[in-house]
């Protein structure tokens, strides 16, 4: 939540954002990626040694679902942010830090961003007043 309060146009706050996201990505990748797979393997081997084959099959389904959740909803978003706001992101064209002009125009218009759907409503004269 702290990263949402940072102004990414400010170079110092951009580096703070990168560092915090890097730490979070490292923790997520370790705990929800590497260490999770280690624990799954350890539990799977214990079930195999105890000849609990039914529980092994149920466990494989559960491991797969939880691993998918970890990768898609926990690890991937942090990795995506790391690429988007990384040090070479401007060179690769992933993010344009000069989008502030568009935001200022939106604020001047009272929060309504001109889009085809908003323009069509304005042209029809639909108002709630």
Foldseek 3Di string as FASTA:
>chain_A
DVLVPFQCLDPVSLVVNLVVLVVQLVVLCVVLNVVLVVVLVVVLVVCVVVVVVVVNVVSVVVSVVSNVCSVPPRNVVSVVVCCCSPPCNVVVVNDDSPCVVQVVVCVVVVNDRDDPVVVVCVVVVDDPD
